[in-house]
């Protein structure tokens, strides 16, 4: 069997993949899926028929379990013989979490699975800011190989948000005529980042934020204080990030992001200096709360503000998600970035009559 070329390995001591949290396992190793019964039901139904989909788009907020579900689906398909129903372990607890397929998927060594993420930059000793075209091109030799025992081959793209234009075009070409019993699973945190050409070739499964009880159960399993569950607003990742930063920082940032405070230059500098602290979790927390504030303004303004104002808030939201990655990867000035965002947010608030 011809194997696809492997992505460069991270340096010793570095996270095994981008965006990992210290107190949570990577999704390929996760043994529990919280919530999403409706998504699981749709997948079991889709793969129980005679014409299963060849491309899925799992979309929803970051940190709710999209990648975990993608890997559970991969384990189920790769551990299922041709002509048999989808593994019932797709929902709840997997049938054999210690079986050969599960071990290979967790280790990234299963010949029928390729996981595309932002690659490690050996020269810079950090993960690249984008999912590159070279990474996507690894699909070609992978699909050119022979699947084991006529089984499935699965391509997980994590995440579509991270792709540049060249990478998206290369993925589109691979999606046009996939070999039989091949499944592409595209993960998207922000629906607006999915190019229409890719979306049109996928069956979309929208995944909702988790309930507070589900977030609490996940935190309990990770041995994290479950009282952080309300902070998550449906995202386990968010709860972990905000919990690590501390309740005082969360309360202060939320107060400084109110419309009446955003117009205050001194308040903006206070928040920017908070974000510029050396602790990475503080910066991540402040940006998470900035994004929350922007999204909240757009939600509250729906049906009341003109569409142009809502579009402006949406554009700022997407801009911040881009800037966040650039700051983290290239170690740019955090304070200046936050000040610039707050200035733009204040201008939008004034135009919307919020300040």
Protein backbone atom coordinates (compact mmCIF):
# COMPACT_ATOMS: atom_id res chain seq x y z
CA UNK A 1 0.00 0.00 0.00
CA UNK A 2 1.30 3.47 -0.89
CA UNK A 3 1.15 5.72 2.12
CA UNK A 4 0.53 9.44 2.09
CA UNK A 5 3.51 11.54 3.15
CA UNK A 6 3.43 12.44 6.82
CA UNK A 7 3.26 16.00 8.04
CA UNK A 8 6.35 17.29 9.91
CA UNK A 9 6.31 16.31 13.59
CA UNK A 10 6.22 19.04 16.26
CA UNK A 11 9.33 19.54 18.35
CA UNK A 12 9.66 17.58 21.57
CA UNK A 13 7.59 19.20 24.31
CA UNK A 14 5.35 21.08 21.85
CA UNK A 15 1.61 20.29 21.47
CA UNK A 16 1.00 17.40 19.07
CA UNK A 17 -1.39 19.59 17.06
CA UNK A 18 -2.46 23.26 16.98
CA UNK A 19 -4.91 24.76 19.48
CA UNK A 20 -4.53 21.98 22.05
CA UNK A 21 -5.30 22.70 25.70
CA UNK A 22 -3.14 21.28 28.48
CA UNK A 23 -6.02 19.75 30.43
CA UNK A 24 -7.96 18.16 27.55
CA UNK A 25 -7.11 15.21 25.27
CA UNK A 26 -6.87 15.73 21.51
CA UNK A 27 -10.10 14.71 19.73
CA UNK A 28 -8.58 11.58 18.17
CA UNK A 29 -8.01 10.26 21.69
CA UNK A 30 -11.31 11.38 23.22
CA UNK A 31 -13.50 8.49 24.34
CA UNK A 32 -16.62 10.47 25.28
CA UNK A 33 -18.96 12.61 23.21
CA UNK A 34 -21.28 14.93 25.11
CA UNK A 35 -24.61 15.86 23.55
CA UNK A 36 -25.22 16.02 19.78
CA UNK A 37 -27.66 13.12 19.75
CA UNK A 38 -29.41 14.69 16.73
CA UNK A 39 -26.15 14.88 14.75
CA UNK A 40 -25.32 11.27 15.63
CA UNK A 41 -28.81 10.18 14.56
CA UNK A 42 -28.44 11.94 11.21
CA UNK A 43 -25.06 10.31 10.60
CA UNK A 44 -26.27 6.81 11.45
CA UNK A 45 -29.22 7.34 9.11
CA UNK A 46 -27.00 8.73 6.33
CA UNK A 47 -24.59 5.81 6.43
CA UNK A 48 -27.28 3.21 6.84
CA UNK A 49 -28.59 3.76 3.34
CA UNK A 50 -27.33 2.59 -0.03
CA UNK A 51 -25.88 5.99 -1.00
CA UNK A 52 -23.84 7.33 1.94
CA UNK A 53 -22.43 10.86 1.60
CA UNK A 54 -18.88 11.35 0.39
CA UNK A 55 -18.40 14.73 2.02
CA UNK A 56 -19.69 16.15 5.30
CA UNK A 57 -19.44 19.65 6.73
CA UNK A 58 -19.59 19.72 10.53
CA UNK A 59 -20.16 23.34 11.51
CA UNK A 60 -20.73 25.08 14.80
CA UNK A 61 -18.92 27.06 17.49
CA UNK A 62 -15.41 26.11 18.52
CA UNK A 63 -15.03 23.63 21.35
CA UNK A 64 -18.41 21.85 21.22
CA UNK A 65 -17.18 18.45 19.97
CA UNK A 66 -17.09 18.67 16.15
CA UNK A 67 -13.63 17.11 15.83
CA UNK A 68 -14.47 14.51 18.47
CA UNK A 69 -17.51 13.47 16.44
CA UNK A 70 -15.43 13.43 13.24
CA UNK A 71 -12.94 10.99 14.76
CA UNK A 72 -15.68 8.85 16.27
CA UNK A 73 -17.24 8.60 12.81
CA UNK A 74 -13.84 7.71 11.35
CA UNK A 75 -13.31 4.97 13.95
CA UNK A 76 -16.77 3.57 13.27
CA UNK A 77 -16.32 3.50 9.49
CA UNK A 78 -12.76 2.18 9.58
CA UNK A 79 -13.73 -0.53 12.04
CA UNK A 80 -16.76 -1.63 10.03
CA UNK A 81 -16.52 -4.34 7.37
CA UNK A 82 -17.99 -3.54 3.94
CA UNK A 83 -21.71 -4.24 3.74
CA UNK A 84 -22.33 -4.01 7.50
CA UNK A 85 -24.18 -1.20 9.37
CA UNK A 86 -22.35 1.74 10.89
CA UNK A 87 -20.79 0.94 14.27
CA UNK A 88 -23.34 1.60 17.01
CA UNK A 89 -20.53 3.10 19.08
CA UNK A 90 -20.79 6.35 17.12
CA UNK A 91 -22.92 7.76 19.95
CA UNK A 92 -22.34 7.27 23.67
CA UNK A 93 -19.34 5.11 24.55
CA UNK A 94 -17.40 3.48 21.67
CA UNK A 95 -17.79 -0.29 21.41
CA UNK A 96 -14.07 -1.01 21.71
CA UNK A 97 -12.04 2.05 22.76
CA UNK A 98 -8.97 -0.14 23.23
CA UNK A 99 -9.34 -2.04 19.94
CA UNK A 100 -6.80 -1.94 17.13
CA UNK A 101 -8.69 0.62 15.04
CA UNK A 102 -9.15 2.96 18.00
CA UNK A 103 -5.46 2.68 18.94
CA UNK A 104 -4.35 3.40 15.37
CA UNK A 105 -6.68 6.40 15.03
CA UNK A 106 -5.47 7.83 18.35
CA UNK A 107 -1.84 7.41 17.32
CA UNK A 108 -2.39 8.81 13.81
CA UNK A 109 -1.14 5.61 12.20
CA UNK A 110 -4.30 4.17 10.64
CA UNK A 111 -3.64 3.71 6.88
CA UNK A 112 -7.25 4.62 6.06
CA UNK A 113 -7.28 8.00 7.80
CA UNK A 114 -5.57 11.32 7.10
CA UNK A 115 -5.99 14.32 9.40
CA UNK A 116 -5.16 17.72 7.91
CA UNK A 117 -4.41 20.60 10.28
CA UNK A 118 -2.13 23.61 10.34
CA UNK A 119 1.34 22.04 9.96
CA UNK A 120 4.34 22.42 12.23
CA UNK A 121 6.95 24.93 11.07
CA UNK A 122 10.30 23.38 11.98
CA UNK A 123 12.18 26.58 11.27
CA UNK A 124 9.94 28.79 13.39
CA UNK A 125 9.33 26.08 16.03
CA UNK A 126 5.59 26.75 16.03
CA UNK A 127 2.48 25.84 14.07
CA UNK A 128 1.87 27.75 10.87
CA UNK A 129 -0.90 30.31 10.76
CA UNK A 130 -2.73 28.56 7.90
CA UNK A 131 -3.62 25.10 6.69
CA UNK A 132 -1.35 25.16 3.63
CA UNK A 133 -1.76 23.86 0.10
CA UNK A 134 1.14 21.45 0.63
CA UNK A 135 -0.74 19.89 3.51
CA UNK A 136 -3.89 19.50 1.39
CA UNK A 137 -1.86 17.95 -1.43
CA UNK A 138 -1.12 15.00 0.86
CA UNK A 139 -4.64 13.87 -0.08
CA UNK A 140 -3.54 12.87 -3.60
CA UNK A 141 -1.18 9.97 -2.70
CA UNK A 142 -3.51 9.00 0.15
CA UNK A 143 -6.46 8.54 -2.22
CA UNK A 144 -4.18 6.79 -4.68
CA UNK A 145 -3.54 4.02 -2.17
CA UNK A 146 -5.67 0.90 -1.83
CA UNK A 147 -8.04 0.88 1.12
CA UNK A 148 -7.61 -2.00 3.53
CA UNK A 149 -9.92 -4.93 2.73
CA UNK A 150 -12.01 -2.71 0.49
CA UNK A 151 -12.97 -0.53 3.45
CA UNK A 152 -13.31 3.20 3.91
CA UNK A 153 -10.80 5.98 3.61
CA UNK A 154 -11.47 9.12 5.66
CA UNK A 155 -10.06 12.63 5.20
CA UNK A 156 -10.60 15.00 8.15
CA UNK A 157 -9.93 18.69 7.41
CA UNK A 158 -9.57 20.54 10.71
CA UNK A 159 -10.49 23.29 10.10
CA UNK A 160 -11.78 24.85 6.90
CA UNK A 161 -11.42 28.24 8.64
CA UNK A 162 -7.64 27.81 8.61
CA UNK A 163 -7.22 27.26 4.86
CA UNK A 164 -5.81 29.85 2.50
CA UNK A 165 -7.20 30.24 -1.03
CA UNK A 166 -4.72 27.86 -2.66
CA UNK A 167 -5.45 25.18 -0.08
CA UNK A 168 -9.21 25.60 -0.58
CA UNK A 169 -8.82 25.22 -4.35
CA UNK A 170 -6.71 22.08 -3.91
CA UNK A 171 -9.33 20.62 -1.58
CA UNK A 172 -12.10 21.48 -4.04
CA UNK A 173 -10.28 19.53 -6.76
CA UNK A 174 -10.00 16.49 -4.48
CA UNK A 175 -13.71 16.73 -3.65
CA UNK A 176 -14.84 16.77 -7.26
CA UNK A 177 -14.40 13.05 -7.96
CA UNK A 178 -13.48 11.15 -4.79
CA UNK A 179 -12.91 7.38 -5.09
CA UNK A 180 -15.63 5.02 -3.92
CA UNK A 181 -15.91 4.52 -0.14
CA UNK A 182 -14.05 7.74 0.56
CA UNK A 183 -15.38 10.25 3.07
CA UNK A 184 -14.28 13.86 3.51
CA UNK A 185 -15.18 15.42 6.87
CA UNK A 186 -14.73 19.20 6.86
CA UNK A 187 -14.83 21.02 10.19
CA UNK A 188 -15.82 24.69 10.33
CA UNK A 189 -15.95 26.92 13.41
CA UNK A 190 -17.27 29.98 11.54
CA UNK A 191 -19.82 29.21 8.81
CA UNK A 192 -18.95 32.40 6.96
CA UNK A 193 -15.44 31.06 6.36
CA UNK A 194 -16.64 28.13 4.24
CA UNK A 195 -16.28 28.88 0.50
CA UNK A 196 -19.58 28.28 -1.32
CA UNK A 197 -17.84 25.95 -3.77
CA UNK A 198 -16.86 23.63 -0.91
CA UNK A 199 -20.20 23.91 0.87
CA UNK A 200 -22.08 22.91 -2.27
CA UNK A 201 -20.24 19.58 -2.35
CA UNK A 202 -20.91 18.68 1.29
CA UNK A 203 -23.83 17.53 3.36
CA UNK A 204 -23.99 20.08 6.15
CA UNK A 205 -24.57 19.03 9.75
CA UNK A 206 -24.94 22.01 12.05
CA UNK A 207 -23.94 21.26 15.62
CA UNK A 208 -25.43 23.38 18.40
CA UNK A 209 -23.71 24.59 21.56
CA UNK A 210 -23.90 22.10 24.43
CA UNK A 211 -26.27 22.49 27.35
CA UNK A 212 -24.79 23.71 30.62
CA UNK A 213 -25.32 20.23 32.08
CA UNK A 214 -23.34 18.67 29.21
CA UNK A 215 -20.49 21.14 29.64
CA UNK A 216 -20.51 20.40 33.37
CA UNK A 217 -20.31 16.65 32.70
CA UNK A 218 -17.35 17.18 30.37
CA UNK A 219 -15.55 19.34 32.95
CA UNK A 220 -16.14 16.70 35.62
CA UNK A 221 -14.60 14.07 33.37
CA UNK A 222 -11.57 16.32 32.83
CA UNK A 223 -11.32 16.96 36.59
CA UNK A 224 -11.94 20.67 36.15
CA UNK A 225 -14.17 22.65 38.53
CA UNK A 226 -17.68 22.17 37.08
CA UNK A 227 -18.67 25.62 38.38
CA UNK A 228 -16.90 26.95 35.26
CA UNK A 229 -19.66 25.43 33.09
CA UNK A 230 -21.74 28.64 32.78
CA UNK A 231 -18.67 30.46 31.45
CA UNK A 232 -18.55 28.09 28.50
CA UNK A 233 -21.90 29.13 27.02
CA UNK A 234 -22.11 25.74 25.35
CA UNK A 235 -18.39 25.23 24.62
CA UNK A 236 -16.14 23.01 26.71
CA UNK A 237 -13.07 24.66 25.23
CA UNK A 238 -14.35 28.09 26.17
CA UNK A 239 -15.12 26.97 29.72
CA UNK A 240 -11.59 25.58 30.08
CA UNK A 241 -9.99 28.74 28.69
CA UNK A 242 -12.00 31.17 30.81
CA UNK A 243 -11.62 29.02 33.91
CA UNK A 244 -7.84 29.05 33.51
CA UNK A 245 -7.83 32.84 33.26
CA UNK A 246 -9.83 33.36 36.46
CA UNK A 247 -13.23 34.81 37.34
CA UNK A 248 -11.85 38.27 38.19
CA UNK A 249 -10.37 38.75 34.72
CA UNK A 250 -13.60 37.58 33.07
CA UNK A 251 -15.73 39.98 35.12
CA UNK A 252 -13.38 42.91 34.49
CA UNK A 253 -13.18 42.29 30.75
CA UNK A 254 -16.96 42.00 30.40
CA UNK A 255 -17.44 45.27 32.27
CA UNK A 256 -14.91 47.06 30.05
CA UNK A 257 -16.58 45.75 26.89
CA UNK A 258 -19.98 47.30 27.62
CA UNK A 259 -20.88 49.97 25.01
CA UNK A 260 -20.63 52.78 27.57
CA UNK A 261 -17.08 51.68 28.48
CA UNK A 262 -15.75 50.94 24.98
CA UNK A 263 -16.02 54.63 24.10
CA UNK A 264 -13.72 55.46 27.07
CA UNK A 265 -10.08 55.57 25.91
CA UNK A 266 -8.77 54.92 29.42
CA UNK A 267 -10.98 51.83 29.74
CA UNK A 268 -9.71 50.59 26.40
CA UNK A 269 -6.11 50.91 27.56
CA UNK A 270 -6.95 49.06 30.74
CA UNK A 271 -8.39 46.13 28.79
CA UNK A 272 -5.53 46.17 26.27
CA UNK A 273 -2.95 46.07 29.05
CA UNK A 274 -4.79 43.15 30.60
CA UNK A 275 -4.63 41.30 27.27
CA UNK A 276 -0.93 42.10 26.88
CA UNK A 277 0.03 40.11 29.96
CA UNK A 278 2.54 37.37 29.35
CA UNK A 279 0.04 34.66 30.25
CA UNK A 280 -1.35 33.20 27.02
CA UNK A 281 -4.62 32.20 28.68
CA UNK A 282 -5.32 35.85 29.63
CA UNK A 283 -4.88 37.01 26.04
CA UNK A 284 -7.05 34.17 24.76
CA UNK A 285 -9.71 35.03 27.33
CA UNK A 286 -9.81 38.73 26.45
CA UNK A 287 -10.14 37.99 22.73
CA UNK A 288 -12.82 35.39 23.41
CA UNK A 289 -14.79 37.98 25.34
CA UNK A 290 -14.22 40.62 22.65
CA UNK A 291 -15.72 38.21 20.12
CA UNK A 292 -18.61 37.59 22.49
CA UNK A 293 -19.27 41.31 22.78
CA UNK A 294 -19.31 41.76 19.01
CA UNK A 295 -21.61 38.77 18.48
CA UNK A 296 -23.92 39.92 21.27
CA UNK A 297 -24.32 43.35 19.69
CA UNK A 298 -25.20 41.74 16.35
CA UNK A 299 -27.71 39.35 17.93
CA UNK A 300 -29.38 42.08 19.97
CA UNK A 301 -29.54 44.33 16.91
CA UNK A 302 -31.19 41.76 14.63
CA UNK A 303 -34.49 43.16 13.41
CA UNK A 304 -33.71 46.58 14.84
CA UNK A 305 -30.47 47.73 13.21
CA UNK A 306 -30.05 48.10 9.43
CA UNK A 307 -28.41 45.18 7.67
CA UNK A 308 -25.37 47.32 6.90
CA UNK A 309 -24.71 47.71 10.65
CA UNK A 310 -25.10 43.97 11.26
CA UNK A 311 -22.75 43.26 8.35
CA UNK A 312 -20.18 45.62 9.86
CA UNK A 313 -20.27 43.77 13.19
CA UNK A 314 -19.92 40.46 11.31
CA UNK A 315 -16.94 41.78 9.35
CA UNK A 316 -15.26 42.92 12.57
CA UNK A 317 -15.87 39.50 14.14
CA UNK A 318 -14.19 37.73 11.22
CA UNK A 319 -11.34 40.24 11.25
CA UNK A 320 -10.65 39.56 14.93
CA UNK A 321 -10.53 35.80 14.32
CA UNK A 322 -7.91 36.39 11.63
CA UNK A 323 -5.91 38.83 13.75
CA UNK A 324 -5.93 36.46 16.72
CA UNK A 325 -4.09 33.79 14.78
CA UNK A 326 -1.56 36.24 13.38
CA UNK A 327 -0.83 37.59 16.85
CA UNK A 328 -0.37 34.15 18.36
CA UNK A 329 1.77 32.78 15.53
CA UNK A 330 3.96 35.80 14.80
CA UNK A 331 4.13 37.17 18.36
CA UNK A 332 2.91 40.63 17.31
CA UNK A 333 1.99 43.44 19.70
CA UNK A 334 -1.08 42.28 21.62
CA UNK A 335 -1.90 45.63 23.17
CA UNK A 336 -1.96 47.47 19.84
CA UNK A 337 -4.15 44.79 18.31
CA UNK A 338 -6.72 45.02 21.11
CA UNK A 339 -6.72 48.83 21.03
CA UNK A 340 -7.36 48.80 17.29
CA UNK A 341 -10.26 46.36 17.67
CA UNK A 342 -11.83 48.39 20.48
CA UNK A 343 -11.55 51.56 18.40
CA UNK A 344 -13.40 49.89 15.53
CA UNK A 345 -16.01 48.47 17.91
CA UNK A 346 -16.58 51.90 19.44
CA UNK A 347 -17.10 53.40 15.99
CA UNK A 348 -19.64 50.70 15.11
CA UNK A 349 -21.44 51.26 18.41
CA UNK A 350 -21.72 54.97 17.72
CA UNK A 351 -23.06 54.36 14.22
CA UNK A 352 -25.61 51.90 15.69
CA UNK A 353 -26.61 54.34 18.42
CA UNK A 354 -25.33 52.13 21.25
CA UNK A 355 -22.98 54.59 22.90
